[in-house]
Protein backbone atom coordinates (compact mmCIF):
# COMPACT_ATOMS: atom_id res chain seq x y z
CA UNK A 1 -15.84 -24.24 7.95
CA UNK A 2 -16.13 -22.68 4.52
CA UNK A 3 -13.09 -21.84 2.44
CA UNK A 4 -13.98 -18.15 2.89
CA UNK A 5 -13.23 -18.46 6.63
CA UNK A 6 -9.89 -20.09 5.81
CA UNK A 7 -8.63 -17.20 3.66
CA UNK A 8 -5.26 -15.67 4.46
CA UNK A 9 -4.27 -12.31 3.01
CA UNK A 10 -0.79 -10.81 2.63
CA UNK A 11 -0.89 -7.01 2.79
CA UNK A 12 1.96 -4.71 1.79
CA UNK A 13 1.75 -1.10 2.97
CA UNK A 14 3.89 1.84 4.07
CA UNK A 15 3.52 4.00 7.15
CA UNK A 16 5.76 6.49 8.96
CA UNK A 17 8.90 5.69 6.98
CA UNK A 18 8.51 1.91 7.16
CA UNK A 19 7.35 -0.79 4.76
CA UNK A 20 5.18 -3.54 6.23
CA UNK A 21 4.25 -7.03 5.10
CA UNK A 22 1.54 -8.49 7.31
CA UNK A 23 -0.80 -11.48 7.15
CA UNK A 24 -4.46 -11.35 8.18
CA UNK A 25 -7.70 -13.32 8.06
CA UNK A 26 -9.96 -10.50 6.82
CA UNK A 27 -9.47 -7.53 4.52
CA UNK A 28 -12.29 -5.27 3.40
CA UNK A 29 -13.23 -1.75 2.42
CA UNK A 30 -13.76 0.23 5.58
CA UNK A 31 -16.93 2.12 6.40
CA UNK A 32 -14.57 5.03 6.98
CA UNK A 33 -14.05 6.44 3.48
CA UNK A 34 -10.56 6.00 2.01
CA UNK A 35 -9.38 3.16 4.25
CA UNK A 36 -8.77 -0.58 3.97
CA UNK A 37 -9.87 -2.49 7.07
CA UNK A 38 -7.66 -5.39 8.24
CA UNK A 39 -8.78 -7.79 10.98
CA UNK A 40 -7.34 -10.97 12.44
CA UNK A 41 -3.66 -10.11 12.04
CA UNK A 42 -1.61 -13.33 12.05
CA UNK A 43 1.76 -13.77 13.71
CA UNK A 44 4.21 -16.67 13.56
CA UNK A 45 4.45 -19.25 16.32
CA UNK A 46 5.78 -17.86 19.61
CA UNK A 47 7.16 -21.23 20.66
CA UNK A 48 10.04 -21.18 18.21
CA UNK A 49 13.52 -21.16 19.70
CA UNK A 50 14.81 -18.69 17.09
CA UNK A 51 13.01 -15.35 17.31
CA UNK A 52 12.63 -13.37 14.08
CA UNK A 53 13.21 -9.68 14.99
CA UNK A 54 10.91 -8.49 12.17
CA UNK A 55 8.08 -10.73 13.34
CA UNK A 56 8.64 -9.72 16.96
CA UNK A 57 8.56 -6.04 15.95
CA UNK A 58 5.19 -6.62 14.24
CA UNK A 59 3.86 -8.42 17.30
CA UNK A 60 4.95 -5.52 19.53
CA UNK A 61 3.31 -2.94 17.24
CA UNK A 62 0.12 -4.77 16.24
CA UNK A 63 -0.30 -7.52 18.86
CA UNK A 64 -3.13 -5.77 20.71
CA UNK A 65 -4.78 -4.32 17.58
CA UNK A 66 -8.23 -5.77 16.85
CA UNK A 67 -8.82 -3.81 13.65
CA UNK A 68 -6.28 -1.91 11.56
CA UNK A 69 -7.37 0.88 9.20
CA UNK A 70 -4.85 1.64 6.46
CA UNK A 71 -5.28 4.57 4.04
CA UNK A 72 -5.82 3.38 0.45
CA UNK A 73 -2.82 5.35 -0.82
CA UNK A 74 -0.50 3.53 1.64
CA UNK A 75 -1.46 0.04 0.41
CA UNK A 76 0.82 -1.34 -2.32
CA UNK A 77 -0.69 -4.77 -2.72
CA UNK A 78 -3.09 -7.30 -1.21
CA UNK A 79 -2.74 -11.00 -2.09
CA UNK A 80 -4.91 -13.93 -1.05
CA UNK A 81 -2.41 -16.69 -0.26
CA UNK A 82 -2.58 -20.37 0.68
CA UNK A 83 -0.88 -19.97 4.07
CA UNK A 84 0.62 -17.31 6.27
CA UNK A 85 4.29 -16.44 6.20
CA UNK A 86 6.63 -14.40 8.32
CA UNK A 87 5.64 -10.74 8.48
CA UNK A 88 8.26 -8.09 7.94
CA UNK A 89 9.00 -4.47 8.82
CA UNK A 90 11.61 -2.60 6.78
CA UNK A 91 12.89 0.93 7.27
CA UNK A 92 12.64 2.95 4.10
CA UNK A 93 15.49 5.23 3.02
CA UNK A 94 14.84 8.85 3.86
CA UNK A 95 14.90 11.49 1.18
CA UNK A 96 17.03 14.53 1.94
CA UNK A 97 14.86 17.62 2.01
CA UNK A 98 15.92 21.09 1.03
CA UNK A 99 16.11 23.62 3.82
CA UNK A 100 14.79 26.48 1.68
CA UNK A 101 11.63 26.49 -0.39
CA UNK A 102 11.89 26.19 -4.14
CA UNK A 103 11.66 29.57 -5.83
CA UNK A 104 10.45 30.17 -9.36
CA UNK A 105 13.13 31.19 -11.85
CA UNK A 106 13.92 34.89 -12.04
CA UNK A 107 12.43 36.68 -15.06
CA UNK A 108 14.93 37.42 -17.83
CA UNK A 109 16.59 40.84 -17.73
CA UNK A 110 16.19 42.93 -20.67
């Protein structure tokens, strides 16, 4: 096999209030404008006695996904790495929103 087929990519992206770190065999520009296409998502060994909850969460969410399309603006970084690592899912802190819309300042009296 060529070294191109052996490539492993680490992708960092955010979606729906979570930060993801996943590993995959293929990453490319999607035919669908504005998206990164990820195929061949890699997961750690299932035979381990200790189960990593982050890795298991990724497997539950993406285990049946053949091709993942991620919007460009959600991708933070893509690295080509020597070998796969443990994927991660992190909850991002939520930002408190204001209940009323912002109003422009009142004009000066005078």
